Amino acid sequence: MGKNGFEITGTVERKVMVDEVRKEARQFAMLFFHFSKVIVDIHGLENGKELIRQAVFSLAIDRSNQLRQKALEQGLKADSLEDFSKVTDLPFTGWVKQWGEDHCPYAETWRPYFKEYPWFKEIAPFYCDVIDTTNIENFSKHLSHRITQNVLIKGTSCEREYFESDAVKQGQFTYGSK
């Protein structure tokens, strides 16, 4: 018996599973766009970007605290990219590498907004920078990260590198502090 007494039985075709995960990711991506639009409409781009940074940073701290706790409960050290990968909460089924620039359902959803809302071309990849960097910094307490290619800007894949950070070791995160 699963959560809330709901029994899960049978199997789901991969195509159906991918489609369902991407539908949910699309809803989240749309929510982020509209959240950002309201903030930018009210506060302007520069002040809005700071408010968006704060919200995404807060989300990343909450999320990575939960993932770190889950890792520790599983007996992991919670100090490596490998440990992070073992407890991550992203449904990677929805990210289809073979789809190139549309492999990421967020990017696929956000890119069409760029023409009508050119300011969002700066905000959309900013989400990726803040959430991904803060997640690994808070989870590991010693690693940082930078995106070296983002499909929202160019290319057919998102590429990143991880590195040791003295600042993170001292509790100073790239996009804010706890």
Protein backbone atom coordinates (compact mmCIF):
# COMPACT_ATOMS: atom_id res chain seq x y z
CA MET A 1 0.00 0.00 0.00
CA GLY A 2 1.40 3.41 -0.98
CA LYS A 3 0.97 6.83 0.57
CA ASN A 4 -2.49 7.75 1.81
CA GLY A 5 -3.73 4.19 1.38
CA PHE A 6 -3.48 4.39 -2.42
CA GLU A 7 -2.28 1.15 -3.96
CA ILE A 8 0.08 1.51 -6.89
CA THR A 9 -0.03 -1.44 -9.27
CA GLY A 10 1.07 -2.19 -12.80
CA THR A 11 3.62 -0.51 -14.99
CA VAL A 12 3.65 2.68 -17.00
CA GLU A 13 5.11 2.99 -20.48
CA ARG A 14 8.19 5.21 -20.57
CA LYS A 15 6.57 7.60 -23.08
CA VAL A 16 3.59 8.12 -20.78
CA MET A 17 5.88 8.64 -17.77
CA VAL A 18 8.04 11.17 -19.65
CA ASP A 19 4.95 13.04 -20.87
CA GLU A 20 3.45 13.18 -17.37
CA VAL A 21 6.69 14.43 -15.75
CA ARG A 22 7.08 17.08 -18.46
CA LYS A 23 3.48 18.25 -17.97
CA GLU A 24 4.21 18.89 -14.29
CA ALA A 25 7.55 20.53 -15.10
CA ARG A 26 5.74 22.79 -17.59
CA GLN A 27 3.34 23.89 -14.85
CA PHE A 28 6.25 24.72 -12.55
CA ALA A 29 8.08 26.57 -15.34
CA MET A 30 4.96 28.60 -16.11
CA LEU A 31 4.52 29.41 -12.42
CA PHE A 32 8.12 30.65 -12.25
CA PHE A 33 7.60 32.83 -15.34
CA HIS A 34 4.40 34.41 -13.97
CA PHE A 35 5.90 34.82 -10.50
CA SER A 36 8.86 36.60 -12.13
CA LYS A 37 6.63 38.70 -14.39
CA VAL A 38 4.55 40.03 -11.49
CA ILE A 39 7.69 40.89 -9.52
CA VAL A 40 9.37 42.61 -12.49
CA ASP A 41 6.15 44.47 -13.39
CA ILE A 42 5.89 45.84 -9.85
CA HIS A 43 9.54 46.34 -8.92
CA GLY A 44 11.42 46.68 -12.23
CA LEU A 45 14.10 44.35 -13.55
CA GLU A 46 16.98 45.08 -11.19
CA ASN A 47 14.95 45.15 -7.95
CA GLY A 48 12.84 42.27 -9.27
CA LYS A 49 15.92 40.18 -10.00
CA GLU A 50 17.03 40.61 -6.39
CA LEU A 51 13.64 39.50 -5.07
CA ILE A 52 13.64 36.53 -7.44
CA ARG A 53 17.18 35.63 -6.30
CA GLN A 54 16.03 35.68 -2.68
CA ALA A 55 13.04 33.45 -3.40
CA VAL A 56 15.01 30.92 -5.47
CA PHE A 57 17.83 30.94 -2.91
CA SER A 58 15.32 30.24 -0.14
CA LEU A 59 13.83 27.39 -2.18
CA ALA A 60 17.31 25.92 -2.75
CA ILE A 61 18.18 26.10 0.96
CA ASP A 62 14.91 24.38 1.93
CA ARG A 63 15.32 21.75 -0.79
CA SER A 64 18.99 21.01 -0.12
CA ASN A 65 18.43 20.89 3.65
CA GLN A 66 15.83 18.17 3.05
CA LEU A 67 18.12 16.30 0.64
CA ARG A 68 21.05 16.58 3.05
CA GLN A 69 18.92 15.19 5.88
CA LYS A 70 17.74 12.34 3.66
CA ALA A 71 21.35 11.53 2.75
CA LEU A 72 22.47 11.53 6.38
CA GLU A 73 19.55 9.28 7.34
CA GLN A 74 20.72 6.86 4.65
CA GLY A 75 24.20 6.81 6.16
CA LEU A 76 25.76 8.92 3.44
CA LYS A 77 28.27 11.67 4.26
CA ALA A 78 26.29 14.25 2.26
CA ASP A 79 29.50 15.84 1.07
CA SER A 80 29.82 14.79 -2.55
CA LEU A 81 28.13 15.08 -5.90
CA GLU A 82 27.68 11.31 -5.81
CA ASP A 83 25.77 11.50 -2.52
CA PHE A 84 23.66 14.36 -3.89
CA SER A 85 22.84 12.24 -6.96
CA LYS A 86 21.69 9.37 -4.74
CA VAL A 87 19.04 11.50 -3.01
CA THR A 88 18.14 14.11 -5.62
CA ASP A 89 14.45 14.87 -6.00
CA LEU A 90 14.42 15.77 -9.69
CA PRO A 91 12.47 13.33 -11.86
CA PHE A 92 15.19 12.94 -14.50
CA THR A 93 12.79 10.88 -16.60
CA GLY A 94 11.43 14.20 -17.88
CA TRP A 95 14.84 15.43 -19.05
CA VAL A 96 15.44 13.68 -22.40
CA LYS A 97 19.03 14.19 -23.59
CA GLN A 98 18.22 13.17 -27.16
CA TRP A 99 15.88 16.16 -27.54
CA GLY A 100 18.81 18.58 -27.60
CA GLU A 101 17.89 22.14 -26.64
CA ASP A 102 14.45 20.94 -25.59
CA HIS A 103 15.81 18.20 -23.31
CA CYS A 104 14.94 20.40 -20.33
CA PRO A 105 11.19 20.90 -19.92
CA TYR A 106 11.79 24.25 -18.19
CA ALA A 107 13.80 25.55 -21.15
CA GLU A 108 11.21 24.29 -23.61
CA THR A 109 8.52 26.18 -21.67
CA TRP A 110 10.51 29.35 -21.02
CA ARG A 111 12.07 29.95 -24.45
CA PRO A 112 8.80 31.03 -26.15
CA TYR A 113 8.38 33.83 -23.58
CA PHE A 114 11.64 35.50 -24.68
CA LYS A 115 10.22 37.26 -27.75
CA GLU A 116 7.37 39.01 -25.94
CA TYR A 117 9.26 39.42 -22.65
CA PRO A 118 12.93 39.95 -23.56
CA TRP A 119 13.85 40.64 -19.90
CA PHE A 120 12.98 36.99 -19.13
CA LYS A 121 15.96 35.85 -21.22
CA GLU A 122 18.09 37.06 -18.31
CA ILE A 123 15.85 35.72 -15.52
CA ALA A 124 15.28 32.19 -16.85
CA PRO A 125 18.96 31.07 -16.78
CA PHE A 126 19.40 32.99 -13.51
CA TYR A 127 16.99 30.46 -11.96
CA CYS A 128 19.31 27.62 -13.02
CA ASP A 129 22.39 29.43 -11.73
CA VAL A 130 20.92 30.17 -8.30
CA ILE A 131 19.14 26.88 -7.62
CA ASP A 132 21.83 24.52 -8.89
CA THR A 133 24.73 26.38 -7.30
CA THR A 134 23.01 26.82 -3.94
CA ASN A 135 21.83 23.21 -3.86
CA ILE A 136 25.34 21.76 -4.07
CA GLU A 137 26.87 24.43 -1.83
CA ASN A 138 24.39 23.89 1.00
CA PHE A 139 24.27 20.12 0.54
CA SER A 140 28.03 19.47 0.45
CA LYS A 141 29.24 22.39 2.58
CA HIS A 142 32.44 22.57 0.46
CA LEU A 143 31.62 22.35 -3.26
CA SER A 144 30.45 25.08 -5.58
CA HIS A 145 29.34 24.97 -9.18
CA ARG A 146 29.04 26.96 -12.37
CA ILE A 147 27.03 26.36 -15.48
CA THR A 148 29.32 26.50 -18.51
CA GLN A 149 26.55 26.04 -21.09
CA ASN A 150 22.81 26.53 -20.74
CA VAL A 151 20.33 25.66 -23.52
CA LEU A 152 18.43 28.82 -22.66
CA ILE A 153 21.38 30.79 -24.02
CA LYS A 154 22.96 28.48 -26.62
CA GLY A 155 23.81 24.88 -27.33
CA THR A 156 21.97 21.60 -27.17
CA SER A 157 22.90 20.59 -23.64
CA CYS A 158 23.44 22.10 -20.23
CA GLU A 159 27.00 21.68 -19.03
CA ARG A 160 28.43 22.43 -15.62
CA GLU A 161 31.51 22.06 -13.50
CA TYR A 162 31.89 21.50 -9.78
CA PHE A 163 34.85 22.66 -7.72
CA GLU A 164 36.11 23.03 -4.15
CA SER A 165 35.31 26.43 -2.66
CA ASP A 166 36.97 27.98 0.38
CA ALA A 167 34.11 30.48 0.60
CA VAL A 168 31.54 27.67 0.83
CA LYS A 169 33.68 25.93 3.47
CA GLN A 170 33.31 29.16 5.49
CA GLY A 171 29.53 29.22 4.98
CA GLN A 172 29.55 31.89 2.26
CA PHE A 173 27.35 30.90 -0.64
CA THR A 174 27.53 32.37 -4.12
CA TYR A 175 23.98 33.75 -4.11
CA GLY A 176 23.46 34.54 -0.44
CA SER A 177 23.90 33.24 3.05
CA LYS A 178 21.69 31.01 5.15
